[in-house]
């Protein structure tokens, strides 16, 4: 069973999220959902903080359906969420796949991330998020600042962990996946994908098939 955690401004009705789900369905059952504040979900996005609770509910629901093996697969913001979920809810998943995730918070080193921070932190930006991207963003700052992805990684063991990142990711350069993999030497597996950009849009069918094969092999 795969539980797919989409990226920021995504939702279950987005074509790229549906394509990911369809590709993984060749390897097992798939649960998809929209994070709070995204698409038709209620509430407001906290950009990766309380979204851990949304993922926990989806994983619990997958277990309630009778699935004994659950693998979380997250992209970008969802990639950070699957890392933090596995760390904060140990023993609830059998393997974790994080694609195009940040290693640390408040990164503004690329133009796309500077635009994203403007959308999250400014009233005009949040209006753009609501009406342009179907994403309702909470106006409050994080308090306290949540556990960062790189801090979460060492806590995931013994669940197998796969970190996937494109070498042409326009949001997070390669120091992010290398930091994540370096936080769990000998435990995390890192795939740096040549020519790949960012998150679901850039994950081709071949890569998704390899992720599915990896998950089946590691989760049993």
N, C-alpha and C. Protein backbone atom coordinates (compact mmCIF):
# COMPACT_ATOMS: atom_id res chain seq x y z
N UNK A 1 0.85 -1.20 0.00
CA UNK A 1 0.00 0.00 0.00
C UNK A 1 0.88 1.25 0.00
N UNK A 2 0.60 2.16 -0.92
CA UNK A 2 1.30 3.44 -0.99
C UNK A 2 0.36 4.55 -0.51
N UNK A 3 0.88 5.44 0.31
CA UNK A 3 0.16 6.67 0.67
C UNK A 3 0.96 7.82 0.07
N UNK A 4 0.34 8.56 -0.84
CA UNK A 4 1.03 9.61 -1.59
C UNK A 4 0.76 10.97 -0.95
N UNK A 5 1.84 11.70 -0.66
CA UNK A 5 1.76 13.03 -0.07
C UNK A 5 2.23 14.05 -1.11
N UNK A 6 1.31 14.85 -1.61
CA UNK A 6 1.61 15.77 -2.71
C UNK A 6 2.41 16.98 -2.23
N UNK A 7 2.87 17.77 -3.18
CA UNK A 7 3.62 18.98 -2.87
C UNK A 7 2.72 20.17 -2.60
N UNK A 8 3.33 21.28 -2.20
CA UNK A 8 2.62 22.52 -1.93
C UNK A 8 1.90 22.99 -3.19
N UNK A 9 0.66 23.39 -3.05
CA UNK A 9 -0.28 23.81 -4.10
C UNK A 9 -0.80 22.64 -4.94
N UNK A 10 -0.47 21.41 -4.57
CA UNK A 10 -1.05 20.26 -5.24
C UNK A 10 -2.34 19.83 -4.56
N UNK A 11 -3.01 18.85 -5.12
CA UNK A 11 -4.15 18.20 -4.47
C UNK A 11 -4.49 16.96 -5.27
N UNK A 12 -5.41 16.15 -4.77
CA UNK A 12 -5.68 14.86 -5.42
C UNK A 12 -6.24 14.99 -6.82
N UNK A 13 -6.79 16.15 -7.15
CA UNK A 13 -7.39 16.32 -8.47
C UNK A 13 -6.41 16.84 -9.51
N UNK A 14 -5.19 17.17 -9.11
CA UNK A 14 -4.20 17.65 -10.07
C UNK A 14 -3.73 16.51 -10.96
N UNK A 15 -3.60 16.75 -12.26
CA UNK A 15 -3.19 15.67 -13.17
C UNK A 15 -1.86 15.02 -12.79
N UNK A 16 -0.90 15.82 -12.32
CA UNK A 16 0.40 15.23 -12.00
C UNK A 16 0.33 14.34 -10.76
N UNK A 17 -0.56 14.65 -9.82
CA UNK A 17 -0.73 13.79 -8.64
C UNK A 17 -1.44 12.51 -9.05
N UNK A 18 -2.43 12.62 -9.91
CA UNK A 18 -3.15 11.43 -10.37
C UNK A 18 -2.24 10.53 -11.19
N UNK A 19 -1.32 11.14 -11.95
CA UNK A 19 -0.38 10.32 -12.74
C UNK A 19 0.55 9.54 -11.82
N UNK A 20 1.03 10.17 -10.75
CA UNK A 20 1.88 9.46 -9.79
C UNK A 20 1.12 8.29 -9.18
N UNK A 21 -0.12 8.53 -8.77
CA UNK A 21 -0.92 7.47 -8.16
C UNK A 21 -1.14 6.32 -9.14
N UNK A 22 -1.41 6.65 -10.39
CA UNK A 22 -1.63 5.60 -11.40
C UNK A 22 -0.38 4.77 -11.62
N UNK A 23 0.79 5.42 -11.64
CA UNK A 23 2.04 4.68 -11.84
C UNK A 23 2.33 3.76 -10.67
N UNK A 24 2.12 4.23 -9.45
CA UNK A 24 2.39 3.40 -8.28
C UNK A 24 1.36 2.28 -8.13
N UNK A 25 0.17 2.49 -8.69
CA UNK A 25 -0.87 1.45 -8.61
C UNK A 25 -0.46 0.17 -9.34
N UNK A 26 0.54 0.25 -10.20
CA UNK A 26 1.04 -0.96 -10.86
C UNK A 26 1.79 -1.85 -9.87
N UNK A 27 2.14 -1.29 -8.70
CA UNK A 27 2.93 -2.03 -7.71
C UNK A 27 2.15 -2.33 -6.44
N UNK A 28 0.97 -1.76 -6.29
CA UNK A 28 0.18 -2.01 -5.09
C UNK A 28 -0.97 -1.02 -4.98
N UNK A 29 -1.77 -1.18 -3.94
CA UNK A 29 -2.87 -0.25 -3.70
C UNK A 29 -2.32 1.13 -3.36
N UNK A 30 -3.10 2.16 -3.66
CA UNK A 30 -2.65 3.54 -3.45
C UNK A 30 -3.75 4.34 -2.75
N UNK A 31 -3.35 5.11 -1.73
CA UNK A 31 -4.24 6.09 -1.09
C UNK A 31 -3.71 7.47 -1.41
N UNK A 32 -4.57 8.34 -1.92
CA UNK A 32 -4.21 9.74 -2.13
C UNK A 32 -5.16 10.61 -1.31
N UNK A 33 -4.73 11.81 -1.01
CA UNK A 33 -5.54 12.75 -0.24
C UNK A 33 -5.00 14.15 -0.50
N UNK A 34 -5.78 15.14 -0.14
CA UNK A 34 -5.32 16.53 -0.22
C UNK A 34 -4.99 17.03 1.17
N UNK A 35 -3.82 17.63 1.32
CA UNK A 35 -3.47 18.25 2.60
C UNK A 35 -4.44 19.38 2.93
N UNK A 36 -4.52 19.72 4.19
CA UNK A 36 -5.36 20.82 4.64
C UNK A 36 -5.09 22.09 3.83
N UNK A 37 -6.15 22.78 3.48
CA UNK A 37 -6.03 24.03 2.74
C UNK A 37 -5.79 23.87 1.26
N UNK A 38 -5.70 22.64 0.78
CA UNK A 38 -5.42 22.38 -0.63
C UNK A 38 -6.66 21.80 -1.31
N UNK A 39 -6.97 22.32 -2.49
CA UNK A 39 -8.07 21.77 -3.26
C UNK A 39 -9.37 21.82 -2.48
N UNK A 40 -10.01 20.67 -2.35
CA UNK A 40 -11.31 20.60 -1.68
C UNK A 40 -11.20 20.31 -0.18
N UNK A 41 -9.97 20.18 0.35
CA UNK A 41 -9.81 19.96 1.79
C UNK A 41 -10.09 21.24 2.55
N UNK A 42 -10.62 21.09 3.76
CA UNK A 42 -10.86 22.25 4.60
C UNK A 42 -9.60 22.74 5.28
N UNK A 43 -9.75 23.78 6.08
CA UNK A 43 -8.63 24.32 6.84
C UNK A 43 -7.69 25.16 6.01
N UNK A 44 -6.53 25.42 6.59
CA UNK A 44 -5.51 26.23 5.93
C UNK A 44 -4.17 25.53 6.01
N UNK A 45 -3.39 25.70 4.97
CA UNK A 45 -2.07 25.08 4.91
C UNK A 45 -1.13 25.71 5.92
N UNK A 46 -0.37 24.86 6.61
CA UNK A 46 0.72 25.34 7.47
C UNK A 46 2.07 25.03 6.83
N UNK A 47 2.06 24.72 5.55
CA UNK A 47 3.26 24.56 4.72
C UNK A 47 4.22 23.52 5.32
N UNK A 48 3.65 22.40 5.75
CA UNK A 48 4.47 21.27 6.17
C UNK A 48 4.49 20.98 7.65
N UNK A 49 3.92 21.85 8.48
CA UNK A 49 3.95 21.65 9.92
C UNK A 49 2.86 20.66 10.34
N UNK A 50 1.64 21.12 10.46
CA UNK A 50 0.55 20.27 10.94
C UNK A 50 0.06 19.29 9.87
N UNK A 51 0.61 19.40 8.68
CA UNK A 51 0.29 18.42 7.64
C UNK A 51 0.71 17.01 8.05
N UNK A 52 1.64 16.91 8.99
CA UNK A 52 2.01 15.59 9.52
C UNK A 52 0.79 14.87 10.08
N UNK A 53 -0.14 15.62 10.69
CA UNK A 53 -1.36 15.02 11.23
C UNK A 53 -2.27 14.51 10.11
N UNK A 54 -2.29 15.23 8.99
CA UNK A 54 -3.08 14.78 7.84
C UNK A 54 -2.55 13.45 7.31
N UNK A 55 -1.22 13.36 7.19
CA UNK A 55 -0.62 12.13 6.70
C UNK A 55 -0.85 10.99 7.70
N UNK A 56 -0.74 11.29 8.99
CA UNK A 56 -0.97 10.26 9.99
C UNK A 56 -2.38 9.69 9.87
N UNK A 57 -3.36 10.56 9.61
CA UNK A 57 -4.74 10.09 9.44
C UNK A 57 -4.87 9.21 8.21
N UNK A 58 -4.19 9.59 7.12
CA UNK A 58 -4.25 8.79 5.89
C UNK A 58 -3.60 7.43 6.09
N UNK A 59 -2.48 7.39 6.80
CA UNK A 59 -1.80 6.12 7.07
C UNK A 59 -2.68 5.24 7.96
N UNK A 60 -3.29 5.84 8.97
CA UNK A 60 -4.17 5.08 9.86
C UNK A 60 -5.35 4.51 9.08
N UNK A 61 -5.89 5.29 8.15
CA UNK A 61 -7.00 4.81 7.33
C UNK A 61 -6.56 3.65 6.45
N UNK A 62 -5.35 3.76 5.88
CA UNK A 62 -4.82 2.67 5.05
C UNK A 62 -4.70 1.39 5.87
N UNK A 63 -4.23 1.51 7.10
CA UNK A 63 -4.13 0.34 7.97
C UNK A 63 -5.51 -0.23 8.27
N UNK A 64 -6.49 0.66 8.45
CA UNK A 64 -7.83 0.19 8.79
C UNK A 64 -8.46 -0.61 7.65
N UNK A 65 -7.97 -0.42 6.44
CA UNK A 65 -8.47 -1.18 5.29
C UNK A 65 -7.89 -2.58 5.24
N UNK A 66 -6.97 -2.86 6.16
CA UNK A 66 -6.39 -4.20 6.23
C UNK A 66 -5.01 -4.34 5.63
N UNK A 67 -4.43 -3.24 5.17
CA UNK A 67 -3.09 -3.31 4.57
C UNK A 67 -2.03 -3.43 5.67
N UNK A 68 -1.23 -4.46 5.58
CA UNK A 68 -0.22 -4.71 6.61
C UNK A 68 1.11 -4.05 6.30
N UNK A 69 1.31 -3.61 5.07
CA UNK A 69 2.54 -2.92 4.68
C UNK A 69 2.17 -1.58 4.07
N UNK A 70 2.72 -0.50 4.62
CA UNK A 70 2.40 0.84 4.15
C UNK A 70 3.70 1.59 3.87
N UNK A 71 3.78 2.17 2.67
CA UNK A 71 4.93 2.98 2.26
C UNK A 71 4.43 4.38 1.98
N UNK A 72 5.04 5.39 2.60
CA UNK A 72 4.69 6.77 2.29
C UNK A 72 5.62 7.30 1.22
N UNK A 73 5.04 8.01 0.25
CA UNK A 73 5.81 8.60 -0.86
C UNK A 73 5.42 10.07 -0.93
N UNK A 74 6.37 10.97 -0.65
CA UNK A 74 6.08 12.39 -0.61
C UNK A 74 6.92 13.19 -1.58
N UNK A 75 6.35 14.30 -2.06
CA UNK A 75 7.01 15.15 -3.05
C UNK A 75 7.11 16.57 -2.52
N UNK A 76 8.32 17.15 -2.55
CA UNK A 76 8.56 18.54 -2.14
C UNK A 76 8.06 18.76 -0.70
N UNK A 77 7.05 19.61 -0.48
CA UNK A 77 6.51 19.75 0.87
C UNK A 77 6.09 18.39 1.41
N UNK A 78 5.42 17.59 0.59
CA UNK A 78 5.04 16.25 1.01
C UNK A 78 6.24 15.38 1.33
N UNK A 79 7.37 15.62 0.65
CA UNK A 79 8.59 14.90 0.96
C UNK A 79 9.10 15.21 2.35
N UNK A 80 9.00 16.48 2.75
CA UNK A 80 9.39 16.83 4.12
C UNK A 80 8.41 16.25 5.13
N UNK A 81 7.14 16.17 4.75
CA UNK A 81 6.12 15.65 5.66
C UNK A 81 6.31 14.16 5.91
N UNK A 82 6.62 13.38 4.87
CA UNK A 82 6.81 11.94 5.11
C UNK A 82 8.01 11.68 5.99
N UNK A 83 9.05 12.51 5.89
CA UNK A 83 10.22 12.35 6.77
C UNK A 83 9.84 12.64 8.22
N UNK A 84 9.14 13.74 8.43
CA UNK A 84 8.79 14.12 9.79
C UNK A 84 7.75 13.18 10.39
N UNK A 85 6.82 12.72 9.55
CA UNK A 85 5.83 11.76 10.04
C UNK A 85 6.49 10.48 10.53
N UNK A 86 7.42 9.92 9.74
CA UNK A 86 8.08 8.68 10.13
C UNK A 86 8.88 8.86 11.40
N UNK A 87 9.45 10.06 11.60
CA UNK A 87 10.23 10.32 12.81
C UNK A 87 9.34 10.51 14.03
N UNK A 88 8.22 11.19 13.84
CA UNK A 88 7.33 11.52 14.97
C UNK A 88 6.34 10.42 15.28
N UNK A 89 6.11 9.50 14.33
CA UNK A 89 5.18 8.39 14.53
C UNK A 89 5.90 7.08 14.21
N UNK A 90 6.90 6.74 15.00
CA UNK A 90 7.72 5.56 14.68
C UNK A 90 6.89 4.28 14.67
N UNK A 91 7.25 3.41 13.73
CA UNK A 91 6.60 2.11 13.64
C UNK A 91 5.31 2.10 12.86
N UNK A 92 4.87 3.25 12.34
CA UNK A 92 3.58 3.29 11.64
C UNK A 92 3.72 3.05 10.15
N UNK A 93 4.94 3.16 9.60
CA UNK A 93 5.14 2.90 8.18
C UNK A 93 6.29 1.91 8.02
N UNK A 94 6.28 1.22 6.87
CA UNK A 94 7.28 0.18 6.63
C UNK A 94 8.42 0.64 5.74
N UNK A 95 8.23 1.75 5.04
CA UNK A 95 9.29 2.36 4.24
C UNK A 95 8.86 3.77 3.88
N UNK A 96 9.85 4.61 3.56
CA UNK A 96 9.60 6.03 3.30
C UNK A 96 10.36 6.43 2.04
N UNK A 97 9.66 7.15 1.15
CA UNK A 97 10.29 7.69 -0.06
C UNK A 97 10.04 9.19 -0.07
N UNK A 98 11.12 9.96 -0.09
CA UNK A 98 11.03 11.43 -0.10
C UNK A 98 11.65 11.96 -1.37
N UNK A 99 10.84 12.66 -2.18
CA UNK A 99 11.29 13.14 -3.49
C UNK A 99 11.31 14.67 -3.49
N UNK A 100 12.44 15.26 -3.87
CA UNK A 100 12.57 16.73 -4.03
C UNK A 100 12.29 17.49 -2.75
N UNK A 101 12.66 16.94 -1.63
CA UNK A 101 12.35 17.58 -0.34
C UNK A 101 13.45 18.54 0.08
N UNK A 102 13.09 19.59 0.85
CA UNK A 102 14.11 20.44 1.46
C UNK A 102 14.74 19.71 2.65
N UNK A 103 15.96 20.08 2.97
CA UNK A 103 16.61 19.55 4.17
C UNK A 103 16.38 20.46 5.37
N UNK A 104 16.23 21.76 5.10
CA UNK A 104 16.14 22.73 6.20
C UNK A 104 15.08 23.76 5.86
N UNK A 105 14.59 24.43 6.90
CA UNK A 105 13.53 25.42 6.74
C UNK A 105 14.07 26.78 6.30
N UNK A 106 13.17 27.61 5.81
CA UNK A 106 13.42 29.02 5.50
C UNK A 106 14.44 29.22 4.38
N UNK A 107 14.60 28.22 3.52
CA UNK A 107 15.56 28.34 2.43
C UNK A 107 15.03 29.33 1.39
N UNK A 108 15.86 30.30 1.03
CA UNK A 108 15.49 31.30 0.02
C UNK A 108 16.57 31.47 -1.05
N UNK A 109 17.35 30.45 -1.27
CA UNK A 109 18.50 30.56 -2.15
C UNK A 109 18.21 30.48 -3.63
N UNK A 110 16.97 30.21 -4.01
CA UNK A 110 16.61 30.15 -5.42
C UNK A 110 15.41 31.06 -5.67
N UNK A 111 15.25 31.51 -6.91
CA UNK A 111 14.13 32.40 -7.24
C UNK A 111 12.77 31.75 -6.97
N UNK A 112 12.55 30.47 -7.32
CA UNK A 112 11.25 29.87 -7.00
C UNK A 112 10.95 29.86 -5.51
N UNK A 113 11.97 29.65 -4.68
CA UNK A 113 11.72 29.64 -3.24
C UNK A 113 11.47 31.05 -2.70
N UNK A 114 12.08 32.04 -3.31
CA UNK A 114 11.79 33.41 -2.89
C UNK A 114 10.35 33.78 -3.23
N UNK A 115 9.89 33.33 -4.41
CA UNK A 115 8.49 33.57 -4.76
C UNK A 115 7.54 32.83 -3.82
N UNK A 116 7.91 31.61 -3.46
CA UNK A 116 7.06 30.84 -2.56
C UNK A 116 6.97 31.52 -1.19
N UNK A 117 8.10 32.02 -0.68
CA UNK A 117 8.08 32.71 0.61
C UNK A 117 7.22 33.97 0.54
N UNK A 118 7.25 34.66 -0.58
CA UNK A 118 6.38 35.84 -0.73
C UNK A 118 4.93 35.41 -0.66
N UNK A 119 4.58 34.31 -1.32
CA UNK A 119 3.19 33.86 -1.33
C UNK A 119 2.73 33.45 0.08
N UNK A 120 3.62 32.86 0.84
CA UNK A 120 3.24 32.37 2.17
C UNK A 120 3.18 33.49 3.19
N UNK A 121 4.08 34.46 3.10
CA UNK A 121 4.24 35.43 4.18
C UNK A 121 3.52 36.76 3.95
N UNK A 122 3.07 37.05 2.74
CA UNK A 122 2.44 38.34 2.46
C UNK A 122 0.95 38.16 2.20
N UNK A 123 0.13 39.10 2.67
CA UNK A 123 -1.32 39.00 2.41
C UNK A 123 -1.63 38.90 0.92
N UNK A 124 -0.94 39.71 0.10
CA UNK A 124 -1.19 39.63 -1.35
C UNK A 124 -0.79 38.26 -1.89
N UNK A 125 0.28 37.71 -1.37
CA UNK A 125 0.72 36.39 -1.80
C UNK A 125 -0.28 35.31 -1.44
N UNK A 126 -0.85 35.42 -0.24
CA UNK A 126 -1.84 34.42 0.16
C UNK A 126 -3.10 34.50 -0.68
N UNK A 127 -3.43 35.71 -1.15
CA UNK A 127 -4.56 35.82 -2.09
C UNK A 127 -4.25 35.11 -3.40
N UNK A 128 -3.01 35.26 -3.87
CA UNK A 128 -2.59 34.54 -5.08
C UNK A 128 -2.69 33.04 -4.85
N UNK A 129 -2.25 32.60 -3.68
CA UNK A 129 -2.35 31.17 -3.37
C UNK A 129 -3.78 30.67 -3.38
N UNK A 130 -4.70 31.48 -2.80
CA UNK A 130 -6.10 31.06 -2.70
C UNK A 130 -6.77 30.99 -4.07
N UNK A 131 -6.61 32.06 -4.85
CA UNK A 131 -7.37 32.15 -6.09
C UNK A 131 -6.60 31.64 -7.31
N UNK A 132 -5.28 31.65 -7.24
CA UNK A 132 -4.49 31.19 -8.36
C UNK A 132 -4.11 29.73 -8.28
N UNK A 133 -3.97 29.21 -7.04
CA UNK A 133 -3.47 27.84 -6.87
C UNK A 133 -4.39 26.96 -6.02
N UNK A 134 -5.57 27.46 -5.68
CA UNK A 134 -6.54 26.69 -4.88
C UNK A 134 -5.92 26.24 -3.55
N UNK A 135 -5.08 27.10 -2.97
CA UNK A 135 -4.38 26.76 -1.73
C UNK A 135 -4.59 27.88 -0.72
N UNK A 136 -5.24 27.56 0.38
CA UNK A 136 -5.51 28.53 1.44
C UNK A 136 -4.43 28.40 2.50
N UNK A 137 -3.68 29.45 2.72
CA UNK A 137 -2.48 29.41 3.55
C UNK A 137 -2.74 30.14 4.86
N UNK A 138 -2.34 29.51 5.95
CA UNK A 138 -2.52 30.12 7.27
C UNK A 138 -1.61 31.34 7.40
N UNK A 139 -2.14 32.39 8.05
CA UNK A 139 -1.38 33.64 8.16
C UNK A 139 -0.38 33.63 9.32
N UNK A 140 -0.48 32.68 10.23
CA UNK A 140 0.39 32.69 11.40
C UNK A 140 1.74 32.05 11.11
N UNK A 141 2.78 32.60 11.73
CA UNK A 141 4.11 32.00 11.64
C UNK A 141 4.14 30.72 12.47
N UNK A 142 5.10 29.86 12.17
CA UNK A 142 5.31 28.66 12.99
C UNK A 142 5.70 29.05 14.42
N UNK A 143 5.05 28.46 15.39
CA UNK A 143 5.39 28.67 16.80
C UNK A 143 4.89 27.48 17.61
N UNK A 144 5.80 26.57 17.97
CA UNK A 144 7.24 26.59 17.75
C UNK A 144 7.60 26.15 16.33
N UNK A 145 8.84 26.37 15.95
CA UNK A 145 9.32 25.90 14.65
C UNK A 145 9.38 24.37 14.68
N UNK A 146 8.76 23.70 13.72
CA UNK A 146 8.72 22.23 13.76
C UNK A 146 10.08 21.59 13.51
N UNK A 147 10.17 20.34 13.91
CA UNK A 147 11.35 19.53 13.63
C UNK A 147 11.67 19.61 12.14
N UNK A 148 12.92 19.90 11.81
CA UNK A 148 13.29 20.03 10.40
C UNK A 148 13.46 18.66 9.76
N UNK A 149 13.39 18.59 8.43
CA UNK A 149 13.59 17.29 7.76
C UNK A 149 14.93 16.65 8.10
N UNK A 150 16.01 17.43 8.12
CA UNK A 150 17.32 16.82 8.38
C UNK A 150 17.42 16.34 9.82
N UNK A 151 16.70 16.97 10.74
CA UNK A 151 16.66 16.48 12.11
C UNK A 151 15.80 15.23 12.23
N UNK A 152 14.84 15.08 11.34
CA UNK A 152 13.95 13.93 11.39
C UNK A 152 14.60 12.65 10.89
N UNK A 153 15.46 12.78 9.90
CA UNK A 153 16.00 11.60 9.20
C UNK A 153 16.63 10.58 10.14
N UNK A 154 17.47 10.97 11.11
CA UNK A 154 18.08 9.93 11.96
C UNK A 154 17.07 9.15 12.79
N UNK A 155 15.88 9.67 12.97
CA UNK A 155 14.88 9.01 13.80
C UNK A 155 14.02 8.01 13.03
N UNK A 156 14.22 7.91 11.72
CA UNK A 156 13.36 7.07 10.90
C UNK A 156 13.75 5.60 10.98
N UNK A 157 15.02 5.30 11.18
CA UNK A 157 15.48 3.91 11.27
C UNK A 157 14.69 3.18 12.35
N UNK A 158 14.38 1.91 12.13
CA UNK A 158 14.92 1.02 11.08
C UNK A 158 14.10 0.99 9.78
N UNK A 159 13.07 1.83 9.63
CA UNK A 159 12.31 1.82 8.38
C UNK A 159 13.22 2.23 7.22
N UNK A 160 13.21 1.49 6.11
CA UNK A 160 14.03 1.87 4.96
C UNK A 160 13.64 3.26 4.44
N UNK A 161 14.64 4.01 4.00
CA UNK A 161 14.42 5.38 3.54
C UNK A 161 15.10 5.59 2.20
N UNK A 162 14.33 6.10 1.23
CA UNK A 162 14.86 6.46 -0.09
C UNK A 162 14.68 7.95 -0.30
N UNK A 163 15.78 8.63 -0.65
CA UNK A 163 15.76 10.06 -0.95
C UNK A 163 16.05 10.21 -2.44
N UNK A 164 15.14 10.89 -3.15
CA UNK A 164 15.27 11.07 -4.60
C UNK A 164 15.30 12.56 -4.89
N UNK A 165 16.23 12.98 -5.77
CA UNK A 165 16.34 14.40 -6.09
C UNK A 165 16.89 14.55 -7.50
N UNK A 166 16.39 15.53 -8.21
CA UNK A 166 16.89 15.80 -9.55
C UNK A 166 18.08 16.75 -9.54
N UNK A 167 19.01 16.54 -10.45
CA UNK A 167 20.18 17.43 -10.49
C UNK A 167 19.86 18.75 -11.17
N UNK A 168 18.62 18.92 -11.67
CA UNK A 168 18.18 20.20 -12.23
C UNK A 168 17.00 20.77 -11.45
N UNK A 169 16.90 20.42 -10.20
CA UNK A 169 15.83 20.94 -9.35
C UNK A 169 16.00 22.44 -9.18
N UNK A 170 15.00 23.21 -9.60
CA UNK A 170 15.10 24.66 -9.53
C UNK A 170 14.76 25.23 -8.18
N UNK A 171 14.22 24.42 -7.27
CA UNK A 171 13.84 24.89 -5.93
C UNK A 171 14.93 24.63 -4.90
N UNK A 172 15.40 23.38 -4.83
CA UNK A 172 16.38 22.99 -3.82
C UNK A 172 17.59 22.37 -4.49
N UNK A 173 18.77 22.97 -4.38
CA UNK A 173 19.97 22.39 -4.99
C UNK A 173 20.40 21.11 -4.28
N UNK A 174 21.44 20.49 -4.80
CA UNK A 174 21.81 19.15 -4.36
C UNK A 174 22.36 19.09 -2.94
N UNK A 175 22.70 20.22 -2.34
CA UNK A 175 23.13 20.13 -0.95
C UNK A 175 21.99 19.67 -0.04
N UNK A 176 20.75 19.88 -0.44
CA UNK A 176 19.61 19.44 0.37
C UNK A 176 19.53 17.92 0.46
N UNK A 177 19.44 17.18 -0.66
CA UNK A 177 19.39 15.72 -0.53
C UNK A 177 20.66 15.14 0.08
N UNK A 178 21.79 15.76 -0.17
CA UNK A 178 23.03 15.25 0.41
C UNK A 178 23.05 15.43 1.92
N UNK A 179 22.49 16.55 2.40
CA UNK A 179 22.36 16.74 3.84
C UNK A 179 21.45 15.68 4.45
N UNK A 180 20.34 15.41 3.76
CA UNK A 180 19.40 14.41 4.27
C UNK A 180 20.06 13.03 4.34
N UNK A 181 20.70 12.63 3.25
CA UNK A 181 21.34 11.32 3.22
C UNK A 181 22.48 11.25 4.24
N UNK A 182 23.21 12.35 4.40
CA UNK A 182 24.31 12.38 5.35
C UNK A 182 23.88 12.31 6.79
N UNK A 183 22.62 12.64 7.05
CA UNK A 183 22.12 12.59 8.42
C UNK A 183 21.84 11.17 8.88
N UNK A 184 21.83 10.22 7.96
CA UNK A 184 21.59 8.81 8.30
C UNK A 184 22.53 7.93 7.50
N UNK A 185 23.85 8.06 7.70
CA UNK A 185 24.80 7.28 6.91
C UNK A 185 24.58 5.78 7.11
N UNK A 186 24.59 5.06 5.99
CA UNK A 186 24.38 3.63 6.05
C UNK A 186 22.94 3.20 6.15
N UNK A 187 22.03 4.17 6.30
CA UNK A 187 20.61 3.83 6.40
C UNK A 187 19.82 4.38 5.21
N UNK A 188 20.02 5.65 4.89
CA UNK A 188 19.27 6.27 3.80
C UNK A 188 19.95 5.97 2.47
N UNK A 189 19.13 5.72 1.46
CA UNK A 189 19.62 5.51 0.10
C UNK A 189 19.30 6.76 -0.72
N UNK A 190 20.28 7.28 -1.45
CA UNK A 190 20.13 8.51 -2.22
C UNK A 190 20.22 8.22 -3.71
N UNK A 191 19.18 8.68 -4.44
CA UNK A 191 19.21 8.64 -5.90
C UNK A 191 19.24 10.08 -6.40
N UNK A 192 20.31 10.46 -7.08
CA UNK A 192 20.36 11.75 -7.76
C UNK A 192 20.06 11.49 -9.23
N UNK A 193 18.94 12.04 -9.71
CA UNK A 193 18.44 11.72 -11.04
C UNK A 193 18.92 12.74 -12.07
N UNK A 194 19.70 12.31 -13.06
CA UNK A 194 20.20 13.24 -14.09
C UNK A 194 19.07 13.85 -14.90
N UNK A 195 19.11 15.16 -15.07
CA UNK A 195 18.14 15.86 -15.90
C UNK A 195 16.78 16.08 -15.26
N UNK A 196 16.58 15.62 -14.06
CA UNK A 196 15.27 15.75 -13.42
C UNK A 196 15.12 17.11 -12.76
N UNK A 197 13.93 17.70 -12.89
CA UNK A 197 13.61 18.94 -12.21
C UNK A 197 13.00 18.69 -10.85
N UNK A 198 11.85 19.32 -10.58
CA UNK A 198 11.31 19.32 -9.22
C UNK A 198 9.99 18.56 -9.11
N UNK A 199 9.95 17.62 -8.16
CA UNK A 199 8.75 17.00 -7.63
C UNK A 199 7.92 16.23 -8.67
N UNK A 200 6.58 16.20 -8.46
CA UNK A 200 5.72 15.33 -9.27
C UNK A 200 5.80 15.64 -10.76
N UNK A 201 5.86 16.92 -11.11
CA UNK A 201 5.90 17.29 -12.52
C UNK A 201 7.10 16.66 -13.23
N UNK A 202 8.19 16.50 -12.51
CA UNK A 202 9.44 16.05 -13.13
C UNK A 202 9.67 14.56 -12.98
N UNK A 203 8.87 13.88 -12.18
CA UNK A 203 9.07 12.45 -11.95
C UNK A 203 8.45 11.66 -13.11
N UNK A 204 9.30 11.13 -13.95
CA UNK A 204 8.82 10.38 -15.11
C UNK A 204 8.32 9.00 -14.75
N UNK A 205 7.67 8.36 -15.68
CA UNK A 205 7.10 7.04 -15.43
C UNK A 205 8.18 6.02 -15.09
N UNK A 206 9.35 6.15 -15.72
CA UNK A 206 10.43 5.22 -15.42
C UNK A 206 10.90 5.34 -14.00
N UNK A 207 11.06 6.57 -13.52
CA UNK A 207 11.46 6.78 -12.14
C UNK A 207 10.40 6.25 -11.17
N UNK A 208 9.14 6.54 -11.46
CA UNK A 208 8.08 6.07 -10.58
C UNK A 208 8.04 4.54 -10.53
N UNK A 209 8.31 3.90 -11.65
CA UNK A 209 8.37 2.43 -11.66
C UNK A 209 9.51 1.93 -10.79
N UNK A 210 10.66 2.59 -10.85
CA UNK A 210 11.80 2.19 -10.01
C UNK A 210 11.49 2.42 -8.54
N UNK A 211 10.80 3.52 -8.23
CA UNK A 211 10.40 3.76 -6.84
C UNK A 211 9.46 2.66 -6.37
N UNK A 212 8.52 2.29 -7.21
CA UNK A 212 7.60 1.20 -6.86
C UNK A 212 8.33 -0.10 -6.61
N UNK A 213 9.30 -0.43 -7.47
CA UNK A 213 10.09 -1.66 -7.30
C UNK A 213 10.87 -1.61 -5.99
N UNK A 214 11.49 -0.45 -5.71
CA UNK A 214 12.26 -0.29 -4.46
C UNK A 214 11.36 -0.51 -3.25
N UNK A 215 10.19 0.10 -3.27
CA UNK A 215 9.29 0.01 -2.13
C UNK A 215 8.83 -1.42 -1.90
N UNK A 216 8.48 -2.13 -2.97
CA UNK A 216 8.03 -3.51 -2.83
C UNK A 216 9.15 -4.37 -2.25
N UNK A 217 10.39 -4.14 -2.73
CA UNK A 217 11.50 -4.93 -2.26
C UNK A 217 11.85 -4.64 -0.80
N UNK A 218 11.74 -3.38 -0.38
CA UNK A 218 12.14 -3.01 0.98
C UNK A 218 11.04 -3.25 2.01
N UNK A 219 9.79 -3.00 1.61
CA UNK A 219 8.70 -3.13 2.57
C UNK A 219 8.17 -4.55 2.67
N UNK A 220 8.53 -5.39 1.70
CA UNK A 220 8.09 -6.77 1.76
C UNK A 220 6.70 -7.00 1.19
